[in-house]
Amino acid sequence: MPIHYRIDHGLRLVVAAGHGDLVDSDVFGYQKDVWSRPEVAGYNELVDMSHVAHIHLPSPERIKDLATLAAEMDLPGQASKFAIVAPAHLSFGLGRMFQTHRELDERSTKTVAVFKTLGDALEFLGIQGPLELPGPA
């Protein structure tokens, strides 16, 4: 699977990293697999797209579909943050599209922000020091 993740219960944080080529089913699969778990409700999220080579989407409309699904899975009244690290132009643009769709969905309880660097994302999340990112085995 091109998206690897780990759950840090101490930080109340889901950390994910994409690797190689991402397709539609990878991203939707990650969303459903991780955020259907009751123990991560209200957790912050960090997704690092730094090691993604290509993103294959059937249409730009899928970004809106993903944002809608994510907002539906948010726990009402439980505010959290979602930082996307996207140094490449395409991933940054797609991240901003996702951010906009999440902001427009009134069910969304996550504040989404897109960053070029991991350091800026960690600052947004209020995390001090280095953070181990998940990767392929």
N, C-alpha and C. Protein backbone atom coordinates (compact mmCIF):
# COMPACT_ATOMS: atom_id res chain seq x y z
N MET A 1 0.86 -1.19 0.00
CA MET A 1 0.00 0.00 0.00
C MET A 1 0.90 1.24 0.00
N PRO A 2 0.66 2.16 -0.90
CA PRO A 2 1.49 3.36 -0.99
C PRO A 2 1.30 4.37 0.13
N ILE A 3 0.31 4.19 1.00
CA ILE A 3 0.15 5.08 2.15
C ILE A 3 0.39 4.24 3.41
N HIS A 4 1.41 4.63 4.13
CA HIS A 4 1.75 3.97 5.39
C HIS A 4 1.39 4.92 6.52
N TYR A 5 0.92 4.37 7.63
CA TYR A 5 0.54 5.24 8.73
C TYR A 5 0.83 4.57 10.07
N ARG A 6 0.86 5.42 11.08
CA ARG A 6 0.94 4.94 12.45
C ARG A 6 0.10 5.87 13.30
N ILE A 7 -0.35 5.33 14.41
CA ILE A 7 -1.18 6.09 15.34
C ILE A 7 -0.37 6.33 16.60
N ASP A 8 -0.20 7.59 16.96
CA ASP A 8 0.53 7.96 18.17
C ASP A 8 -0.51 8.41 19.19
N HIS A 9 -0.86 7.50 20.10
CA HIS A 9 -1.90 7.81 21.08
C HIS A 9 -1.43 8.85 22.09
N GLY A 10 -0.13 8.88 22.37
CA GLY A 10 0.40 9.88 23.29
C GLY A 10 0.22 11.30 22.78
N LEU A 11 0.45 11.48 21.48
CA LEU A 11 0.27 12.81 20.86
C LEU A 11 -1.14 13.03 20.34
N ARG A 12 -1.97 11.99 20.39
CA ARG A 12 -3.32 12.04 19.79
C ARG A 12 -3.20 12.49 18.33
N LEU A 13 -2.40 11.70 17.58
CA LEU A 13 -2.02 12.07 16.23
C LEU A 13 -1.95 10.84 15.33
N VAL A 14 -2.52 10.96 14.14
CA VAL A 14 -2.34 9.96 13.09
C VAL A 14 -1.32 10.53 12.12
N VAL A 15 -0.24 9.78 11.90
CA VAL A 15 0.83 10.20 11.00
C VAL A 15 0.82 9.27 9.80
N ALA A 16 0.70 9.84 8.61
CA ALA A 16 0.69 9.04 7.39
C ALA A 16 1.67 9.61 6.39
N ALA A 17 2.18 8.74 5.53
CA ALA A 17 3.11 9.17 4.49
C ALA A 17 2.81 8.39 3.21
N GLY A 18 2.74 9.12 2.11
CA GLY A 18 2.55 8.49 0.82
C GLY A 18 3.89 8.20 0.18
N HIS A 19 3.93 7.12 -0.62
CA HIS A 19 5.16 6.72 -1.28
C HIS A 19 4.84 6.22 -2.69
N GLY A 20 5.66 6.62 -3.65
CA GLY A 20 5.51 6.12 -5.02
C GLY A 20 4.30 6.70 -5.71
N ASP A 21 3.55 5.85 -6.38
CA ASP A 21 2.37 6.27 -7.13
C ASP A 21 1.12 6.08 -6.28
N LEU A 22 0.31 7.11 -6.17
CA LEU A 22 -0.96 7.03 -5.44
C LEU A 22 -2.11 6.99 -6.43
N VAL A 23 -3.04 6.09 -6.18
CA VAL A 23 -4.26 6.04 -6.98
C VAL A 23 -5.45 6.31 -6.06
N ASP A 24 -6.56 6.55 -6.68
CA ASP A 24 -7.80 6.88 -6.00
C ASP A 24 -8.10 5.93 -4.84
N SER A 25 -8.01 4.64 -5.08
CA SER A 25 -8.36 3.65 -4.05
C SER A 25 -7.41 3.70 -2.86
N ASP A 26 -6.16 4.11 -3.07
CA ASP A 26 -5.21 4.23 -1.94
C ASP A 26 -5.68 5.29 -0.95
N VAL A 27 -6.05 6.43 -1.48
CA VAL A 27 -6.42 7.56 -0.63
C VAL A 27 -7.76 7.31 0.06
N PHE A 28 -8.73 6.82 -0.67
CA PHE A 28 -10.03 6.52 -0.08
C PHE A 28 -9.93 5.35 0.90
N GLY A 29 -9.09 4.37 0.58
CA GLY A 29 -8.88 3.24 1.49
C GLY A 29 -8.27 3.68 2.81
N TYR A 30 -7.26 4.56 2.74
CA TYR A 30 -6.65 5.11 3.95
C TYR A 30 -7.70 5.84 4.78
N GLN A 31 -8.48 6.70 4.14
CA GLN A 31 -9.49 7.48 4.86
C GLN A 31 -10.46 6.55 5.61
N LYS A 32 -10.96 5.56 4.91
CA LYS A 32 -11.94 4.66 5.52
C LYS A 32 -11.32 3.77 6.59
N ASP A 33 -10.13 3.24 6.31
CA ASP A 33 -9.48 2.33 7.25
C ASP A 33 -9.14 3.02 8.57
N VAL A 34 -8.50 4.17 8.48
CA VAL A 34 -8.04 4.85 9.69
C VAL A 34 -9.16 5.55 10.43
N TRP A 35 -9.94 6.34 9.73
CA TRP A 35 -10.89 7.22 10.40
C TRP A 35 -12.21 6.57 10.76
N SER A 36 -12.36 5.26 10.46
CA SER A 36 -13.52 4.53 10.96
C SER A 36 -13.23 3.92 12.33
N ARG A 37 -12.00 4.06 12.82
CA ARG A 37 -11.61 3.53 14.12
C ARG A 37 -12.04 4.50 15.23
N PRO A 38 -12.85 4.06 16.15
CA PRO A 38 -13.33 4.96 17.20
C PRO A 38 -12.21 5.53 18.08
N GLU A 39 -11.10 4.80 18.23
CA GLU A 39 -10.03 5.28 19.12
C GLU A 39 -9.28 6.49 18.58
N VAL A 40 -9.44 6.85 17.31
CA VAL A 40 -8.75 8.02 16.77
C VAL A 40 -9.68 9.23 16.59
N ALA A 41 -10.92 9.11 17.00
CA ALA A 41 -11.87 10.22 16.88
C ALA A 41 -11.32 11.45 17.60
N GLY A 42 -11.27 12.55 16.91
CA GLY A 42 -10.79 13.80 17.48
C GLY A 42 -9.28 13.97 17.44
N TYR A 43 -8.55 12.99 16.91
CA TYR A 43 -7.09 13.10 16.80
C TYR A 43 -6.71 14.08 15.70
N ASN A 44 -5.55 14.69 15.85
CA ASN A 44 -4.96 15.47 14.77
C ASN A 44 -4.39 14.51 13.73
N GLU A 45 -4.08 15.07 12.55
CA GLU A 45 -3.59 14.24 11.46
C GLU A 45 -2.47 14.95 10.71
N LEU A 46 -1.47 14.18 10.32
CA LEU A 46 -0.38 14.68 9.49
C LEU A 46 -0.21 13.71 8.33
N VAL A 47 -0.30 14.22 7.11
CA VAL A 47 -0.06 13.41 5.92
C VAL A 47 1.10 14.04 5.16
N ASP A 48 2.15 13.26 4.96
CA ASP A 48 3.34 13.73 4.25
C ASP A 48 3.34 13.16 2.84
N MET A 49 3.29 14.05 1.86
CA MET A 49 3.28 13.66 0.45
C MET A 49 4.65 13.84 -0.20
N SER A 50 5.69 14.02 0.58
CA SER A 50 7.02 14.32 0.06
C SER A 50 7.59 13.23 -0.84
N HIS A 51 7.21 11.98 -0.60
CA HIS A 51 7.79 10.87 -1.35
C HIS A 51 6.82 10.27 -2.37
N VAL A 52 5.81 11.04 -2.74
CA VAL A 52 4.86 10.59 -3.76
C VAL A 52 5.40 11.00 -5.13
N ALA A 53 5.53 10.03 -6.00
CA ALA A 53 6.06 10.29 -7.34
C ALA A 53 4.97 10.77 -8.30
N HIS A 54 3.81 10.11 -8.26
CA HIS A 54 2.69 10.46 -9.15
C HIS A 54 1.37 10.30 -8.41
N ILE A 55 0.41 11.14 -8.75
CA ILE A 55 -0.94 11.04 -8.21
C ILE A 55 -1.88 10.83 -9.39
N HIS A 56 -2.59 9.70 -9.35
CA HIS A 56 -3.49 9.35 -10.44
C HIS A 56 -4.93 9.44 -9.94
N LEU A 57 -5.67 10.43 -10.42
CA LEU A 57 -7.07 10.59 -10.05
C LEU A 57 -7.92 10.48 -11.31
N PRO A 58 -9.09 9.83 -11.22
CA PRO A 58 -9.94 9.75 -12.40
C PRO A 58 -10.49 11.12 -12.81
N SER A 59 -10.66 12.02 -11.83
CA SER A 59 -11.13 13.37 -12.13
C SER A 59 -10.87 14.26 -10.92
N PRO A 60 -10.78 15.58 -11.12
CA PRO A 60 -10.60 16.50 -9.99
C PRO A 60 -11.77 16.45 -9.00
N GLU A 61 -12.92 16.00 -9.47
CA GLU A 61 -14.11 15.90 -8.60
C GLU A 61 -13.88 14.94 -7.43
N ARG A 62 -12.92 14.03 -7.59
CA ARG A 62 -12.63 13.07 -6.52
C ARG A 62 -12.06 13.75 -5.28
N ILE A 63 -11.43 14.92 -5.44
CA ILE A 63 -10.94 15.66 -4.28
C ILE A 63 -12.13 16.10 -3.43
N LYS A 64 -13.16 16.60 -4.08
CA LYS A 64 -14.37 17.00 -3.36
C LYS A 64 -15.02 15.78 -2.70
N ASP A 65 -15.06 14.65 -3.42
CA ASP A 65 -15.64 13.43 -2.86
C ASP A 65 -14.88 12.99 -1.60
N LEU A 66 -13.56 13.09 -1.64
CA LEU A 66 -12.75 12.72 -0.49
C LEU A 66 -13.00 13.67 0.69
N ALA A 67 -13.07 14.96 0.40
CA ALA A 67 -13.34 15.95 1.46
C ALA A 67 -14.72 15.70 2.08
N THR A 68 -15.69 15.35 1.26
CA THR A 68 -17.03 15.06 1.77
C THR A 68 -17.02 13.83 2.66
N LEU A 69 -16.35 12.78 2.21
CA LEU A 69 -16.24 11.56 3.02
C LEU A 69 -15.55 11.86 4.35
N ALA A 70 -14.46 12.61 4.29
CA ALA A 70 -13.71 12.94 5.51
C ALA A 70 -14.58 13.74 6.48
N ALA A 71 -15.31 14.72 5.97
CA ALA A 71 -16.18 15.53 6.83
C ALA A 71 -17.28 14.68 7.47
N GLU A 72 -17.79 13.72 6.72
CA GLU A 72 -18.82 12.82 7.25
C GLU A 72 -18.28 11.98 8.40
N MET A 73 -16.98 11.72 8.40
CA MET A 73 -16.36 10.87 9.42
C MET A 73 -15.88 11.66 10.64
N ASP A 74 -15.92 12.99 10.57
CA ASP A 74 -15.52 13.81 11.71
C ASP A 74 -16.49 13.62 12.87
N LEU A 75 -15.96 13.70 14.06
CA LEU A 75 -16.77 13.61 15.26
C LEU A 75 -17.36 15.00 15.55
N PRO A 76 -18.67 15.14 15.54
CA PRO A 76 -19.26 16.45 15.78
C PRO A 76 -18.81 17.05 17.11
N GLY A 77 -18.49 18.33 17.09
CA GLY A 77 -18.09 19.04 18.29
C GLY A 77 -16.68 18.75 18.76
N GLN A 78 -15.90 18.00 18.00
CA GLN A 78 -14.54 17.62 18.37
C GLN A 78 -13.56 18.25 17.39
N ALA A 79 -13.07 19.43 17.71
CA ALA A 79 -12.15 20.15 16.81
C ALA A 79 -10.78 19.47 16.80
N SER A 80 -10.17 19.44 15.61
CA SER A 80 -8.83 18.90 15.46
C SER A 80 -8.16 19.57 14.27
N LYS A 81 -6.89 19.22 14.05
CA LYS A 81 -6.13 19.82 12.96
C LYS A 81 -5.61 18.74 12.03
N PHE A 82 -5.48 19.13 10.76
CA PHE A 82 -4.97 18.23 9.73
C PHE A 82 -3.93 18.99 8.92
N ALA A 83 -2.68 18.56 9.00
CA ALA A 83 -1.59 19.19 8.25
C ALA A 83 -1.19 18.28 7.10
N ILE A 84 -1.12 18.85 5.92
CA ILE A 84 -0.67 18.14 4.73
C ILE A 84 0.67 18.73 4.32
N VAL A 85 1.70 17.88 4.20
CA VAL A 85 3.00 18.31 3.72
C VAL A 85 3.05 17.95 2.24
N ALA A 86 3.16 18.97 1.40
CA ALA A 86 3.09 18.76 -0.05
C ALA A 86 4.08 19.68 -0.75
N PRO A 87 5.33 19.27 -0.87
CA PRO A 87 6.33 20.14 -1.49
C PRO A 87 6.21 20.28 -3.01
N ALA A 88 5.62 19.30 -3.69
CA ALA A 88 5.47 19.37 -5.15
C ALA A 88 4.25 20.22 -5.52
N HIS A 89 4.32 20.85 -6.66
CA HIS A 89 3.24 21.75 -7.10
C HIS A 89 1.89 21.03 -7.19
N LEU A 90 1.86 19.84 -7.79
CA LEU A 90 0.59 19.14 -7.95
C LEU A 90 0.00 18.75 -6.60
N SER A 91 0.80 18.12 -5.74
CA SER A 91 0.26 17.70 -4.45
C SER A 91 -0.15 18.90 -3.60
N PHE A 92 0.59 20.01 -3.70
CA PHE A 92 0.22 21.22 -2.97
C PHE A 92 -1.13 21.75 -3.47
N GLY A 93 -1.29 21.81 -4.77
CA GLY A 93 -2.55 22.29 -5.35
C GLY A 93 -3.73 21.40 -4.99
N LEU A 94 -3.53 20.09 -5.05
CA LEU A 94 -4.60 19.17 -4.67
C LEU A 94 -4.92 19.28 -3.18
N GLY A 95 -3.88 19.47 -2.38
CA GLY A 95 -4.09 19.67 -0.95
C GLY A 95 -4.91 20.92 -0.67
N ARG A 96 -4.63 21.99 -1.40
CA ARG A 96 -5.39 23.24 -1.22
C ARG A 96 -6.85 23.06 -1.68
N MET A 97 -7.06 22.29 -2.73
CA MET A 97 -8.43 21.99 -3.17
C MET A 97 -9.17 21.24 -2.06
N PHE A 98 -8.50 20.24 -1.49
CA PHE A 98 -9.09 19.47 -0.40
C PHE A 98 -9.42 20.39 0.78
N GLN A 99 -8.48 21.26 1.13
CA GLN A 99 -8.67 22.20 2.22
C GLN A 99 -9.92 23.06 1.98
N THR A 100 -10.06 23.57 0.79
CA THR A 100 -11.20 24.43 0.46
C THR A 100 -12.52 23.67 0.58
N HIS A 101 -12.56 22.45 0.05
CA HIS A 101 -13.79 21.66 0.13
C HIS A 101 -14.14 21.32 1.58
N ARG A 102 -13.12 21.04 2.40
CA ARG A 102 -13.38 20.76 3.81
C ARG A 102 -13.93 22.00 4.51
N GLU A 103 -13.37 23.17 4.20
CA GLU A 103 -13.84 24.41 4.83
C GLU A 103 -15.28 24.72 4.44
N LEU A 104 -15.69 24.33 3.25
CA LEU A 104 -17.04 24.61 2.78
C LEU A 104 -18.08 23.62 3.31
N ASP A 105 -17.64 22.50 3.86
CA ASP A 105 -18.55 21.49 4.38
C ASP A 105 -18.82 21.78 5.86
N GLU A 106 -20.05 22.10 6.18
CA GLU A 106 -20.39 22.51 7.56
C GLU A 106 -20.24 21.37 8.56
N ARG A 107 -20.13 20.14 8.12
CA ARG A 107 -19.92 19.01 9.04
C ARG A 107 -18.47 18.87 9.46
N SER A 108 -17.57 19.52 8.76
CA SER A 108 -16.14 19.39 9.01
C SER A 108 -15.76 20.02 10.35
N THR A 109 -15.02 19.25 11.15
CA THR A 109 -14.54 19.78 12.43
C THR A 109 -13.01 19.88 12.46
N LYS A 110 -12.37 19.58 11.33
CA LYS A 110 -10.91 19.66 11.24
C LYS A 110 -10.50 20.95 10.53
N THR A 111 -9.50 21.59 11.09
CA THR A 111 -8.87 22.73 10.43
C THR A 111 -7.74 22.16 9.58
N VAL A 112 -7.84 22.32 8.27
CA VAL A 112 -6.87 21.76 7.34
C VAL A 112 -5.93 22.86 6.88
N ALA A 113 -4.63 22.55 6.81
CA ALA A 113 -3.63 23.47 6.28
C ALA A 113 -2.62 22.67 5.46
N VAL A 114 -2.11 23.29 4.41
CA VAL A 114 -1.17 22.65 3.51
C VAL A 114 0.16 23.38 3.60
N PHE A 115 1.24 22.62 3.70
CA PHE A 115 2.58 23.20 3.89
C PHE A 115 3.57 22.59 2.91
N LYS A 116 4.61 23.35 2.61
CA LYS A 116 5.70 22.86 1.76
C LYS A 116 6.71 22.05 2.57
N THR A 117 6.80 22.32 3.89
CA THR A 117 7.81 21.64 4.71
C THR A 117 7.19 20.94 5.92
N LEU A 118 7.86 19.90 6.35
CA LEU A 118 7.43 19.16 7.54
C LEU A 118 7.53 20.04 8.78
N GLY A 119 8.58 20.85 8.86
CA GLY A 119 8.75 21.73 10.02
C GLY A 119 7.57 22.67 10.21
N ASP A 120 7.09 23.26 9.13
CA ASP A 120 5.93 24.16 9.22
C ASP A 120 4.67 23.40 9.64
N ALA A 121 4.52 22.17 9.15
CA ALA A 121 3.36 21.36 9.51
C ALA A 121 3.39 21.00 10.99
N LEU A 122 4.58 20.64 11.48
CA LEU A 122 4.70 20.29 12.90
C LEU A 122 4.41 21.50 13.79
N GLU A 123 4.86 22.66 13.36
CA GLU A 123 4.57 23.89 14.12
C GLU A 123 3.06 24.14 14.18
N PHE A 124 2.37 23.98 13.08
CA PHE A 124 0.92 24.14 13.02
C PHE A 124 0.22 23.19 13.99
N LEU A 125 0.76 21.96 14.08
CA LEU A 125 0.16 20.95 14.96
C LEU A 125 0.60 21.09 16.42
N GLY A 126 1.57 21.98 16.67
CA GLY A 126 2.06 22.18 18.02
C GLY A 126 2.96 21.06 18.51
N ILE A 127 3.67 20.42 17.59
CA ILE A 127 4.56 19.31 17.93
C ILE A 127 6.00 19.81 17.95
N GLN A 128 6.67 19.55 19.05
CA GLN A 128 8.08 19.95 19.22
C GLN A 128 8.99 18.79 18.84
N GLY A 129 10.11 19.11 18.25
CA GLY A 129 11.13 18.09 17.98
C GLY A 129 10.82 17.23 16.78
N PRO A 130 11.67 16.25 16.54
CA PRO A 130 11.50 15.39 15.36
C PRO A 130 10.33 14.44 15.53
N LEU A 131 9.82 13.98 14.40
CA LEU A 131 8.69 13.05 14.39
C LEU A 131 9.03 11.95 13.39
N GLU A 132 8.91 10.71 13.83
CA GLU A 132 9.19 9.59 12.94
C GLU A 132 8.02 9.41 11.97
N LEU A 133 8.35 9.41 10.68
CA LEU A 133 7.32 9.20 9.66
C LEU A 133 7.29 7.74 9.25
N PRO A 134 6.11 7.18 9.04
CA PRO A 134 6.02 5.79 8.61
C PRO A 134 6.50 5.65 7.17
N GLY A 135 7.01 4.48 6.84
CA GLY A 135 7.47 4.25 5.48
C GLY A 135 7.36 2.80 5.12
N PRO A 136 7.70 2.49 3.90
CA PRO A 136 7.64 1.09 3.46
C PRO A 136 8.63 0.24 4.25
N ALA A 137 8.26 -0.98 4.47
CA ALA A 137 9.11 -1.91 5.24
C ALA A 137 10.34 -2.30 4.45
